[in-house]
PDB file of N, CA and C in Angstrom:
ATOM      1  N   UNK A   1     -18.105  29.164  16.931  1.00  0.00           N
ATOM      2  CA  UNK A   1     -16.674  29.443  16.965  1.00  0.00           C
ATOM      3  C   UNK A   1     -16.054  29.247  15.575  1.00  0.00           C
ATOM      4  N   UNK A   2     -16.450  28.175  14.899  1.00  0.00           N
ATOM      5  CA  UNK A   2     -15.896  27.847  13.580  1.00  0.00           C
ATOM      6  C   UNK A   2     -16.097  29.003  12.599  1.00  0.00           C
ATOM      7  N   UNK A   3     -17.336  29.470  12.454  1.00  0.00           N
ATOM      8  CA  UNK A   3     -17.629  30.552  11.506  1.00  0.00           C
ATOM      9  C   UNK A   3     -16.969  31.858  11.927  1.00  0.00           C
ATOM     10  N   UNK A   4     -17.025  32.172  13.216  1.00  0.00           N
ATOM     11  CA  UNK A   4     -16.429  33.398  13.738  1.00  0.00           C
ATOM     12  C   UNK A   4     -14.936  33.442  13.418  1.00  0.00           C
ATOM     13  N   UNK A   5     -14.219  32.356  13.691  1.00  0.00           N
ATOM     14  CA  UNK A   5     -12.772  32.345  13.440  1.00  0.00           C
ATOM     15  C   UNK A   5     -12.452  32.320  11.957  1.00  0.00           C
ATOM     16  N   UNK A   6     -13.248  31.633  11.167  1.00  0.00           N
ATOM     17  CA  UNK A   6     -13.015  31.626   9.721  1.00  0.00           C
ATOM     18  C   UNK A   6     -13.096  33.039   9.161  1.00  0.00           C
ATOM     19  N   UNK A   7     -14.099  33.809   9.591  1.00  0.00           N
ATOM     20  CA  UNK A   7     -14.254  35.196   9.145  1.00  0.00           C
ATOM     21  C   UNK A   7     -13.084  36.043   9.644  1.00  0.00           C
ATOM     22  N   UNK A   8     -12.705  35.874  10.903  1.00  0.00           N
ATOM     23  CA  UNK A   8     -11.603  36.646  11.496  1.00  0.00           C
ATOM     24  C   UNK A   8     -10.284  36.363  10.776  1.00  0.00           C
ATOM     25  N   UNK A   9     -10.035  35.109  10.428  1.00  0.00           N
ATOM     26  CA  UNK A   9      -8.806  34.734   9.724  1.00  0.00           C
ATOM     27  C   UNK A   9      -8.790  35.343   8.331  1.00  0.00           C
ATOM     28  N   UNK A  10      -9.924  35.273   7.615  1.00  0.00           N
ATOM     29  CA  UNK A  10      -9.996  35.879   6.280  1.00  0.00           C
ATOM     30  C   UNK A  10      -9.745  37.384   6.353  1.00  0.00           C
ATOM     31  N   UNK A  11     -10.327  38.023   7.358  1.00  0.00           N
ATOM     32  CA  UNK A  11     -10.161  39.467   7.533  1.00  0.00           C
ATOM     33  C   UNK A  11      -8.696  39.798   7.853  1.00  0.00           C
ATOM     34  N   UNK A  12      -8.054  38.993   8.707  1.00  0.00           N
ATOM     35  CA  UNK A  12      -6.651  39.212   9.061  1.00  0.00           C
ATOM     36  C   UNK A  12      -5.734  39.038   7.865  1.00  0.00           C
ATOM     37  N   UNK A  13      -6.084  38.110   6.969  1.00  0.00           N
ATOM     38  CA  UNK A  13      -5.250  37.848   5.786  1.00  0.00           C
ATOM     39  C   UNK A  13      -5.272  39.026   4.831  1.00  0.00           C
ATOM     40  N   UNK A  14      -6.332  39.797   4.851  1.00  0.00           N
ATOM     41  CA  UNK A  14      -6.436  40.955   3.974  1.00  0.00           C
ATOM     42  C   UNK A  14      -7.073  40.607   2.646  1.00  0.00           C
ATOM     43  N   UNK A  15      -7.490  41.640   1.930  1.00  0.00           N
ATOM     44  CA  UNK A  15      -8.152  41.416   0.639  1.00  0.00           C
ATOM     45  C   UNK A  15      -7.144  41.067  -0.456  1.00  0.00           C
ATOM     46  N   UNK A  16      -7.633  40.381  -1.463  1.00  0.00           N
ATOM     47  CA  UNK A  16      -6.855  40.100  -2.679  1.00  0.00           C
ATOM     48  C   UNK A  16      -5.538  39.377  -2.431  1.00  0.00           C
ATOM     49  N   UNK A  17      -5.507  38.465  -1.457  1.00  0.00           N
ATOM     50  CA  UNK A  17      -4.279  37.709  -1.198  1.00  0.00           C
ATOM     51  C   UNK A  17      -4.151  36.508  -2.123  1.00  0.00           C
ATOM     52  N   UNK A  18      -5.270  36.088  -2.701  1.00  0.00           N
ATOM     53  CA  UNK A  18      -5.259  34.900  -3.535  1.00  0.00           C
ATOM     54  C   UNK A  18      -5.237  33.611  -2.730  1.00  0.00           C
ATOM     55  N   UNK A  19      -5.313  33.729  -1.392  1.00  0.00           N
ATOM     56  CA  UNK A  19      -5.287  32.541  -0.536  1.00  0.00           C
ATOM     57  C   UNK A  19      -6.677  31.924  -0.446  1.00  0.00           C
ATOM     58  N   UNK A  20      -6.723  30.597  -0.462  1.00  0.00           N
ATOM     59  CA  UNK A  20      -7.966  29.881  -0.221  1.00  0.00           C
ATOM     60  C   UNK A  20      -8.032  29.586   1.271  1.00  0.00           C
ATOM     61  N   UNK A  21      -9.009  30.173   1.944  1.00  0.00           N
ATOM     62  CA  UNK A  21      -9.147  30.010   3.391  1.00  0.00           C
ATOM     63  C   UNK A  21     -10.533  29.503   3.745  1.00  0.00           C
ATOM     64  N   UNK A  22     -10.633  28.436   4.538  1.00  0.00           N
ATOM     65  CA  UNK A  22      -9.514  27.579   4.938  1.00  0.00           C
ATOM     66  C   UNK A  22      -8.995  26.783   3.740  1.00  0.00           C
ATOM     67  N   UNK A  23      -7.729  26.359   3.791  1.00  0.00           N
ATOM     68  CA  UNK A  23      -7.165  25.614   2.661  1.00  0.00           C
ATOM     69  C   UNK A  23      -7.792  24.228   2.530  1.00  0.00           C
ATOM     70  N   UNK A  24      -7.629  23.665   1.360  1.00  0.00           N
ATOM     71  CA  UNK A  24      -8.215  22.340   1.069  1.00  0.00           C
ATOM     72  C   UNK A  24      -7.784  21.284   2.083  1.00  0.00           C
ATOM     73  N   UNK A  25      -6.509  21.311   2.505  1.00  0.00           N
ATOM     74  CA  UNK A  25      -6.022  20.289   3.437  1.00  0.00           C
ATOM     75  C   UNK A  25      -6.700  20.403   4.795  1.00  0.00           C
ATOM     76  N   UNK A  26      -6.994  21.627   5.240  1.00  0.00           N
ATOM     77  CA  UNK A  26      -7.706  21.822   6.507  1.00  0.00           C
ATOM     78  C   UNK A  26      -9.093  21.183   6.416  1.00  0.00           C
ATOM     79  N   UNK A  27      -9.762  21.407   5.287  1.00  0.00           N
ATOM     80  CA  UNK A  27     -11.089  20.822   5.070  1.00  0.00           C
ATOM     81  C   UNK A  27     -10.997  19.296   4.978  1.00  0.00           C
ATOM     82  N   UNK A  28      -9.998  18.798   4.227  1.00  0.00           N
ATOM     83  CA  UNK A  28      -9.844  17.349   4.053  1.00  0.00           C
ATOM     84  C   UNK A  28      -9.566  16.650   5.380  1.00  0.00           C
ATOM     85  N   UNK A  29      -8.818  17.328   6.258  1.00  0.00           N
ATOM     86  CA  UNK A  29      -8.506  16.749   7.570  1.00  0.00           C
ATOM     87  C   UNK A  29      -9.627  16.991   8.582  1.00  0.00           C
ATOM     88  N   UNK A  30     -10.701  17.661   8.129  1.00  0.00           N
ATOM     89  CA  UNK A  30     -11.872  17.943   8.962  1.00  0.00           C
ATOM     90  C   UNK A  30     -11.511  18.725  10.223  1.00  0.00           C
ATOM     91  N   UNK A  31     -10.636  19.738  10.048  1.00  0.00           N
ATOM     92  CA  UNK A  31     -10.258  20.587  11.171  1.00  0.00           C
ATOM     93  C   UNK A  31     -11.449  21.364  11.705  1.00  0.00           C
ATOM     94  N   UNK A  32     -11.470  21.553  13.008  1.00  0.00           N
ATOM     95  CA  UNK A  32     -12.548  22.298  13.666  1.00  0.00           C
ATOM     96  C   UNK A  32     -11.940  23.231  14.714  1.00  0.00           C
ATOM     97  N   UNK A  33     -12.171  24.543  14.551  1.00  0.00           N
ATOM     98  CA  UNK A  33     -11.702  25.511  15.532  1.00  0.00           C
ATOM     99  C   UNK A  33     -12.497  25.347  16.821  1.00  0.00           C
ATOM    100  N   UNK A  34     -11.793  25.212  17.934  1.00  0.00           N
ATOM    101  CA  UNK A  34     -12.455  25.065  19.227  1.00  0.00           C
ATOM    102  C   UNK A  34     -12.368  26.314  20.085  1.00  0.00           C
ATOM    103  N   UNK A  35     -11.177  26.945  20.101  1.00  0.00           N
ATOM    104  CA  UNK A  35     -10.996  28.097  20.987  1.00  0.00           C
ATOM    105  C   UNK A  35      -9.878  28.988  20.456  1.00  0.00           C
ATOM    106  N   UNK A  36     -10.086  30.284  20.569  1.00  0.00           N
ATOM    107  CA  UNK A  36      -9.039  31.253  20.268  1.00  0.00           C
ATOM    108  C   UNK A  36      -8.934  32.189  21.456  1.00  0.00           C
ATOM    109  N   UNK A  37      -7.732  32.269  22.045  1.00  0.00           N
ATOM    110  CA  UNK A  37      -7.453  33.225  23.110  1.00  0.00           C
ATOM    111  C   UNK A  37      -6.709  34.361  22.431  1.00  0.00           C
ATOM    112  N   UNK A  38      -7.354  35.519  22.337  1.00  0.00           N
ATOM    113  CA  UNK A  38      -6.853  36.665  21.582  1.00  0.00           C
ATOM    114  C   UNK A  38      -5.364  36.907  21.834  1.00  0.00           C
ATOM    115  N   UNK A  39      -4.596  36.851  20.735  1.00  0.00           N
ATOM    116  CA  UNK A  39      -3.174  37.141  20.794  1.00  0.00           C
ATOM    117  C   UNK A  39      -2.315  36.091  21.466  1.00  0.00           C
ATOM    118  N   UNK A  40      -2.898  34.929  21.833  1.00  0.00           N
ATOM    119  CA  UNK A  40      -2.131  33.927  22.585  1.00  0.00           C
ATOM    120  C   UNK A  40      -2.156  32.535  21.987  1.00  0.00           C
ATOM    121  N   UNK A  41      -3.346  31.989  21.759  1.00  0.00           N
ATOM    122  CA  UNK A  41      -3.395  30.580  21.359  1.00  0.00           C
ATOM    123  C   UNK A  41      -4.625  30.274  20.526  1.00  0.00           C
ATOM    124  N   UNK A  42      -4.518  29.194  19.781  1.00  0.00           N
ATOM    125  CA  UNK A  42      -5.612  28.676  18.966  1.00  0.00           C
ATOM    126  C   UNK A  42      -5.682  27.178  19.193  1.00  0.00           C
ATOM    127  N   UNK A  43      -6.874  26.675  19.467  1.00  0.00           N
ATOM    128  CA  UNK A  43      -7.075  25.237  19.640  1.00  0.00           C
ATOM    129  C   UNK A  43      -7.930  24.724  18.493  1.00  0.00           C
ATOM    130  N   UNK A  44      -7.423  23.708  17.798  1.00  0.00           N
ATOM    131  CA  UNK A  44      -8.107  23.110  16.659  1.00  0.00           C
ATOM    132  C   UNK A  44      -8.177  21.603  16.889  1.00  0.00           C
ATOM    133  N   UNK A  45      -9.323  21.024  16.566  1.00  0.00           N
ATOM    134  CA  UNK A  45      -9.487  19.562  16.708  1.00  0.00           C
ATOM    135  C   UNK A  45      -9.465  18.928  15.320  1.00  0.00           C
ATOM    136  N   UNK A  46      -8.717  17.821  15.212  1.00  0.00           N
ATOM    137  CA  UNK A  46      -8.674  17.014  13.991  1.00  0.00           C
ATOM    138  C   UNK A  46      -8.991  15.575  14.370  1.00  0.00           C
ATOM    139  N   UNK A  47      -9.921  14.923  13.670  1.00  0.00           N
ATOM    140  CA  UNK A  47     -10.175  13.517  13.969  1.00  0.00           C
ATOM    141  C   UNK A  47      -8.976  12.662  13.562  1.00  0.00           C
ATOM    142  N   UNK A  48      -8.717  11.625  14.322  1.00  0.00           N
ATOM    143  CA  UNK A  48      -7.657  10.675  13.980  1.00  0.00           C
ATOM    144  C   UNK A  48      -8.306   9.571  13.167  1.00  0.00           C
ATOM    145  N   UNK A  49      -8.230   9.726  11.859  1.00  0.00           N
ATOM    146  CA  UNK A  49      -8.847   8.764  10.950  1.00  0.00           C
ATOM    147  C   UNK A  49      -7.993   7.503  10.845  1.00  0.00           C
ATOM    148  N   UNK A  50      -8.634   6.389  10.593  1.00  0.00           N
ATOM    149  CA  UNK A  50      -7.916   5.121  10.453  1.00  0.00           C
ATOM    150  C   UNK A  50      -6.850   5.217   9.357  1.00  0.00           C
ATOM    151  N   UNK A  51      -7.153   5.968   8.301  1.00  0.00           N
ATOM    152  CA  UNK A  51      -6.202   6.104   7.192  1.00  0.00           C
ATOM    153  C   UNK A  51      -4.956   6.893   7.589  1.00  0.00           C
ATOM    154  N   UNK A  52      -4.961   7.562   8.751  1.00  0.00           N
ATOM    155  CA  UNK A  52      -3.813   8.326   9.230  1.00  0.00           C
ATOM    156  C   UNK A  52      -2.886   7.481  10.101  1.00  0.00           C
ATOM    157  N   UNK A  53      -3.254   6.247  10.370  1.00  0.00           N
ATOM    158  CA  UNK A  53      -2.524   5.413  11.336  1.00  0.00           C
ATOM    159  C   UNK A  53      -1.242   4.833  10.767  1.00  0.00           C
ATOM    160  N   UNK A  54      -0.227   4.746  11.654  1.00  0.00           N
ATOM    161  CA  UNK A  54       0.994   4.038  11.307  1.00  0.00           C
ATOM    162  C   UNK A  54       0.782   2.557  11.649  1.00  0.00           C
ATOM    163  N   UNK A  55       1.759   1.680  11.404  1.00  0.00           N
ATOM    164  CA  UNK A  55       1.563   0.250  11.677  1.00  0.00           C
ATOM    165  C   UNK A  55       1.238  -0.084  13.137  1.00  0.00           C
ATOM    166  N   UNK A  56       1.549   0.818  14.078  1.00  0.00           N
ATOM    167  CA  UNK A  56       1.269   0.571  15.490  1.00  0.00           C
ATOM    168  C   UNK A  56      -0.113   1.071  15.910  1.00  0.00           C
ATOM    169  N   UNK A  57      -0.817   1.700  14.978  1.00  0.00           N
ATOM    170  CA  UNK A  57      -2.155   2.200  15.283  1.00  0.00           C
ATOM    171  C   UNK A  57      -2.177   3.633  15.805  1.00  0.00           C
ATOM    172  N   UNK A  58      -1.013   4.280  15.891  1.00  0.00           N
ATOM    173  CA  UNK A  58      -0.942   5.683  16.293  1.00  0.00           C
ATOM    174  C   UNK A  58      -1.083   6.575  15.059  1.00  0.00           C
ATOM    175  N   UNK A  59      -1.409   7.823  15.265  1.00  0.00           N
ATOM    176  CA  UNK A  59      -1.457   8.768  14.157  1.00  0.00           C
ATOM    177  C   UNK A  59      -0.047   8.915  13.594  1.00  0.00           C
ATOM    178  N   UNK A  60       0.084   8.765  12.282  1.00  0.00           N
ATOM    179  CA  UNK A  60       1.371   8.826  11.606  1.00  0.00           C
ATOM    180  C   UNK A  60       1.987  10.213  11.793  1.00  0.00           C
ATOM    181  N   UNK A  61       3.297  10.266  11.995  1.00  0.00           N
ATOM    182  CA  UNK A  61       3.997  11.511  12.302  1.00  0.00           C
ATOM    183  C   UNK A  61       3.764  12.625  11.295  1.00  0.00           C
ATOM    184  N   UNK A  62       3.718  12.287  10.027  1.00  0.00           N
ATOM    185  CA  UNK A  62       3.473  13.304   9.006  1.00  0.00           C
ATOM    186  C   UNK A  62       2.097  13.928   9.142  1.00  0.00           C
ATOM    187  N   UNK A  63       1.120  13.153   9.577  1.00  0.00           N
ATOM    188  CA  UNK A  63      -0.231  13.675   9.775  1.00  0.00           C
ATOM    189  C   UNK A  63      -0.284  14.554  11.024  1.00  0.00           C
ATOM    190  N   UNK A  64       0.501  14.195  12.040  1.00  0.00           N
ATOM    191  CA  UNK A  64       0.593  15.050  13.232  1.00  0.00           C
ATOM    192  C   UNK A  64       1.170  16.400  12.830  1.00  0.00           C
ATOM    193  N   UNK A  65       2.219  16.369  12.005  1.00  0.00           N
ATOM    194  CA  UNK A  65       2.826  17.619  11.540  1.00  0.00           C
ATOM    195  C   UNK A  65       1.837  18.425  10.697  1.00  0.00           C
ATOM    196  N   UNK A  66       1.056  17.747   9.858  1.00  0.00           N
ATOM    197  CA  UNK A  66       0.054  18.450   9.045  1.00  0.00           C
ATOM    198  C   UNK A  66      -0.989  19.112   9.946  1.00  0.00           C
ATOM    199  N   UNK A  67      -1.415  18.401  11.002  1.00  0.00           N
ATOM    200  CA  UNK A  67      -2.377  18.982  11.945  1.00  0.00           C
ATOM    201  C   UNK A  67      -1.772  20.195  12.647  1.00  0.00           C
ATOM    202  N   UNK A  68      -0.515  20.089  13.031  1.00  0.00           N
ATOM    203  CA  UNK A  68       0.154  21.221  13.686  1.00  0.00           C
ATOM    204  C   UNK A  68       0.281  22.398  12.721  1.00  0.00           C
ATOM    205  N   UNK A  69       0.656  22.127  11.475  1.00  0.00           N
ATOM    206  CA  UNK A  69       0.788  23.186  10.477  1.00  0.00           C
ATOM    207  C   UNK A  69      -0.569  23.844  10.215  1.00  0.00           C
ATOM    208  N   UNK A  70      -1.629  23.049  10.239  1.00  0.00           N
ATOM    209  CA  UNK A  70      -2.979  23.561  10.026  1.00  0.00           C
ATOM    210  C   UNK A  70      -3.528  24.275  11.255  1.00  0.00           C
ATOM    211  N   UNK A  71      -2.794  24.255  12.343  1.00  0.00           N
ATOM    212  CA  UNK A  71      -3.132  25.041  13.534  1.00  0.00           C
ATOM    213  C   UNK A  71      -2.255  26.290  13.593  1.00  0.00           C
ATOM    214  N   UNK A  72      -0.943  26.113  13.384  1.00  0.00           N
ATOM    215  CA  UNK A  72      -0.017  27.246  13.429  1.00  0.00           C
ATOM    216  C   UNK A  72      -0.263  28.228  12.288  1.00  0.00           C
ATOM    217  N   UNK A  73      -0.670  27.730  11.110  1.00  0.00           N
ATOM    218  CA  UNK A  73      -0.943  28.614   9.975  1.00  0.00           C
ATOM    219  C   UNK A  73      -2.047  29.622  10.273  1.00  0.00           C
ATOM    220  N   UNK A  74      -3.239  29.156  10.684  1.00  0.00           N
ATOM    221  CA  UNK A  74      -4.292  30.116  11.033  1.00  0.00           C
ATOM    222  C   UNK A  74      -3.897  31.017  12.200  1.00  0.00           C
ATOM    223  N   UNK A  75      -3.176  30.471  13.188  1.00  0.00           N
ATOM    224  CA  UNK A  75      -2.737  31.297  14.318  1.00  0.00           C
ATOM    225  C   UNK A  75      -1.811  32.405  13.826  1.00  0.00           C
ATOM    226  N   UNK A  76      -0.916  32.076  12.906  1.00  0.00           N
ATOM    227  CA  UNK A  76      -0.001  33.101  12.390  1.00  0.00           C
ATOM    228  C   UNK A  76      -0.771  34.203  11.671  1.00  0.00           C
ATOM    229  N   UNK A  77      -1.838  33.848  10.948  1.00  0.00           N
ATOM    230  CA  UNK A  77      -2.641  34.864  10.268  1.00  0.00           C
ATOM    231  C   UNK A  77      -3.374  35.759  11.265  1.00  0.00           C
ATOM    232  N   UNK A  78      -3.697  35.219  12.418  1.00  0.00           N
ATOM    233  CA  UNK A  78      -4.367  36.015  13.447  1.00  0.00           C
ATOM    234  C   UNK A  78      -3.398  36.933  14.187  1.00  0.00           C
ATOM    235  N   UNK A  79      -2.110  36.568  14.212  1.00  0.00           N
ATOM    236  CA  UNK A  79      -1.118  37.319  14.986  1.00  0.00           C
ATOM    237  C   UNK A  79      -0.203  38.215  14.154  1.00  0.00           C
ATOM    238  N   UNK A  80       0.057  37.831  12.904  1.00  0.00           N
ATOM    239  CA  UNK A  80       1.059  38.501  12.071  1.00  0.00           C
ATOM    240  C   UNK A  80       0.486  38.803  10.691  1.00  0.00           C
ATOM    241  N   UNK A  81       1.187  39.617   9.914  1.00  0.00           N
ATOM    242  CA  UNK A  81       0.782  39.775   8.522  1.00  0.00           C
ATOM    243  C   UNK A  81       0.914  38.426   7.812  1.00  0.00           C
ATOM    244  N   UNK A  82       0.227  38.236   6.676  1.00  0.00           N
ATOM    245  CA  UNK A  82       0.345  36.943   5.975  1.00  0.00           C
ATOM    246  C   UNK A  82       1.806  36.546   5.806  1.00  0.00           C
ATOM    247  N   UNK A  83       2.091  35.299   6.145  1.00  0.00           N
ATOM    248  CA  UNK A  83       3.454  34.784   6.122  1.00  0.00           C
ATOM    249  C   UNK A  83       3.412  33.288   5.857  1.00  0.00           C
ATOM    250  N   UNK A  84       4.569  32.687   5.751  1.00  0.00           N
ATOM    251  CA  UNK A  84       4.659  31.243   5.586  1.00  0.00           C
ATOM    252  C   UNK A  84       5.560  30.678   6.675  1.00  0.00           C
ATOM    253  N   UNK A  85       5.375  29.418   6.989  1.00  0.00           N
ATOM    254  CA  UNK A  85       6.244  28.751   7.947  1.00  0.00           C
ATOM    255  C   UNK A  85       7.571  28.476   7.253  1.00  0.00           C
ATOM    256  N   UNK A  86       8.656  28.943   7.839  1.00  0.00           N
ATOM    257  CA  UNK A  86       9.968  28.700   7.245  1.00  0.00           C
ATOM    258  C   UNK A  86      10.757  27.623   7.980  1.00  0.00           C
ATOM    259  N   UNK A  87      10.355  27.303   9.211  1.00  0.00           N
ATOM    260  CA  UNK A  87      11.074  26.292   9.968  1.00  0.00           C
ATOM    261  C   UNK A  87      10.145  25.668  11.000  1.00  0.00           C
ATOM    262  N   UNK A  88      10.072  24.342  10.993  1.00  0.00           N
ATOM    263  CA  UNK A  88       9.345  23.596  12.017  1.00  0.00           C
ATOM    264  C   UNK A  88      10.196  22.384  12.370  1.00  0.00           C
ATOM    265  N   UNK A  89      10.331  22.111  13.656  1.00  0.00           N
ATOM    266  CA  UNK A  89      11.113  20.963  14.102  1.00  0.00           C
ATOM    267  C   UNK A  89      10.266  20.153  15.066  1.00  0.00           C
ATOM    268  N   UNK A  90      10.097  18.875  14.782  1.00  0.00           N
ATOM    269  CA  UNK A  90       9.309  17.986  15.635  1.00  0.00           C
ATOM    270  C   UNK A  90      10.177  16.787  15.991  1.00  0.00           C
ATOM    271  N   UNK A  91      10.247  16.454  17.253  1.00  0.00           N
ATOM    272  CA  UNK A  91      11.046  15.314  17.712  1.00  0.00           C
ATOM    273  C   UNK A  91      10.113  14.318  18.386  1.00  0.00           C
ATOM    274  N   UNK A  92      10.182  13.078  17.966  1.00  0.00           N
ATOM    275  CA  UNK A  92       9.399  12.002  18.578  1.00  0.00           C
ATOM    276  C   UNK A  92      10.350  11.131  19.370  1.00  0.00           C
ATOM    277  N   UNK A  93       9.933  10.732  20.550  1.00  0.00           N
ATOM    278  CA  UNK A  93      10.767   9.889  21.386  1.00  0.00           C
ATOM    279  C   UNK A  93       9.933   8.686  21.807  1.00  0.00           C
ATOM    280  N   UNK A  94      10.378   7.491  21.419  1.00  0.00           N
ATOM    281  CA  UNK A  94       9.652   6.272  21.752  1.00  0.00           C
ATOM    282  C   UNK A  94       9.745   5.988  23.247  1.00  0.00           C
ATOM    283  N   UNK A  95       8.650   5.541  23.817  1.00  0.00           N
ATOM    284  CA  UNK A  95       8.607   5.137  25.220  1.00  0.00           C
ATOM    285  C   UNK A  95       7.878   3.808  25.300  1.00  0.00           C
ATOM    286  N   UNK A  96       8.068   3.082  26.375  1.00  0.00           N
ATOM    287  CA  UNK A  96       7.411   1.789  26.513  1.00  0.00           C
ATOM    288  C   UNK A  96       5.895   1.924  26.562  1.00  0.00           C
ATOM    289  N   UNK A  97       5.391   2.998  27.120  1.00  0.00           N
ATOM    290  CA  UNK A  97       3.942   3.130  27.267  1.00  0.00           C
ATOM    291  C   UNK A  97       3.306   3.914  26.122  1.00  0.00           C
ATOM    292  N   UNK A  98       3.996   4.084  25.025  1.00  0.00           N
ATOM    293  CA  UNK A  98       3.405   4.783  23.891  1.00  0.00           C
ATOM    294  C   UNK A  98       4.343   5.813  23.306  1.00  0.00           C
ATOM    295  N   UNK A  99       3.763   6.769  22.643  1.00  0.00           N
ATOM    296  CA  UNK A  99       4.527   7.779  21.930  1.00  0.00           C
ATOM    297  C   UNK A  99       4.483   9.087  22.681  1.00  0.00           C
ATOM    298  N   UNK A 100       5.639   9.658  22.923  1.00  0.00           N
ATOM    299  CA  UNK A 100       5.721  10.956  23.582  1.00  0.00           C
ATOM    300  C   UNK A 100       6.087  11.999  22.540  1.00  0.00           C
ATOM    301  N   UNK A 101       5.354  13.092  22.503  1.00  0.00           N
ATOM    302  CA  UNK A 101       5.588  14.130  21.511  1.00  0.00           C
ATOM    303  C   UNK A 101       6.172  15.345  22.210  1.00  0.00           C
ATOM    304  N   UNK A 102       7.299  15.821  21.712  1.00  0.00           N
ATOM    305  CA  UNK A 102       7.954  16.994  22.259  1.00  0.00           C
ATOM    306  C   UNK A 102       7.396  18.248  21.601  1.00  0.00           C
ATOM    307  N   UNK A 103       7.598  19.397  22.214  1.00  0.00           N
ATOM    308  CA  UNK A 103       7.055  20.640  21.652  1.00  0.00           C
ATOM    309  C   UNK A 103       7.565  20.928  20.247  1.00  0.00           C
ATOM    310  N   UNK A 104       6.756  21.623  19.487  1.00  0.00           N
ATOM    311  CA  UNK A 104       7.105  22.072  18.141  1.00  0.00           C
ATOM    312  C   UNK A 104       7.259  23.583  18.167  1.00  0.00           C
ATOM    313  N   UNK A 105       8.288  24.074  17.510  1.00  0.00           N
ATOM    314  CA  UNK A 105       8.510  25.514  17.420  1.00  0.00           C
ATOM    315  C   UNK A 105       8.523  25.897  15.948  1.00  0.00           C
ATOM    316  N   UNK A 106       7.771  26.927  15.578  1.00  0.00           N
ATOM    317  CA  UNK A 106       7.736  27.395  14.200  1.00  0.00           C
ATOM    318  C   UNK A 106       8.256  28.819  14.106  1.00  0.00           C
ATOM    319  N   UNK A 107       9.031  29.109  13.082  1.00  0.00           N
ATOM    320  CA  UNK A 107       9.538  30.448  12.828  1.00  0.00           C
ATOM    321  C   UNK A 107       8.836  30.957  11.580  1.00  0.00           C
ATOM    322  N   UNK A 108       8.184  32.112  11.689  1.00  0.00           N
ATOM    323  CA  UNK A 108       7.341  32.609  10.619  1.00  0.00           C
ATOM    324  C   UNK A 108       7.953  33.762   9.862  1.00  0.00           C
ATOM    325  N   UNK A 109       7.928  33.673   8.528  1.00  0.00           N
ATOM    326  CA  UNK A 109       8.177  34.734   7.577  1.00  0.00           C
ATOM    327  C   UNK A 109       9.318  35.697   7.858  1.00  0.00           C
ATOM    328  N   UNK A 110       9.255  36.818   7.206  1.00  0.00           N
ATOM    329  CA  UNK A 110      10.317  37.821   7.263  1.00  0.00           C
ATOM    330  C   UNK A 110      10.420  38.508   8.617  1.00  0.00           C
ATOM    331  N   UNK A 111       9.328  38.516   9.364  1.00  0.00           N
ATOM    332  CA  UNK A 111       9.335  39.188  10.658  1.00  0.00           C
ATOM    333  C   UNK A 111      10.079  38.393  11.727  1.00  0.00           C
ATOM    334  N   UNK A 112      10.375  37.122  11.427  1.00  0.00           N
ATOM    335  CA  UNK A 112      11.053  36.245  12.367  1.00  0.00           C
ATOM    336  C   UNK A 112      10.354  36.178  13.718  1.00  0.00           C
ATOM    337  N   UNK A 113       9.023  36.239  13.692  1.00  0.00           N
ATOM    338  CA  UNK A 113       8.252  36.048  14.915  1.00  0.00           C
ATOM    339  C   UNK A 113       8.288  34.581  15.272  1.00  0.00           C
ATOM    340  N   UNK A 114       8.347  34.286  16.531  1.00  0.00           N
ATOM    341  CA  UNK A 114       8.522  32.910  16.999  1.00  0.00           C
ATOM    342  C   UNK A 114       7.231  32.408  17.632  1.00  0.00           C
ATOM    343  N   UNK A 115       6.817  31.223  17.244  1.00  0.00           N
ATOM    344  CA  UNK A 115       5.656  30.585  17.878  1.00  0.00           C
ATOM    345  C   UNK A 115       6.096  29.232  18.378  1.00  0.00           C
ATOM    346  N   UNK A 116       5.599  28.836  19.524  1.00  0.00           N
ATOM    347  CA  UNK A 116       6.033  27.549  20.051  1.00  0.00           C
ATOM    348  C   UNK A 116       4.931  26.784  20.696  1.00  0.00           C
TER     349      UNK A 116
END
């Protein structure tokens, strides 16, 4: 799956884009493509490294956002022409039994295609 999706993403990005795919941050975070449902969804796994932890032992919010960006970015290349994320909103709500994460919505490039 990893090699298949890497090739598909490079092909979707087009020739001579100057983009490094996958980007260095995806490699550094040890991202692994698990599943792609054509035209619908992409599932990527990232290990929760000890260095990513906040003082409570949970994955730090910025690293969660980086993992989400490293999932939405490849998905956008599979669905749309090359674009950049122009808006992402993430809301965290503390609960007694841990951390609850609300949905993230991203708005991509000039086409204003919406991913959520």
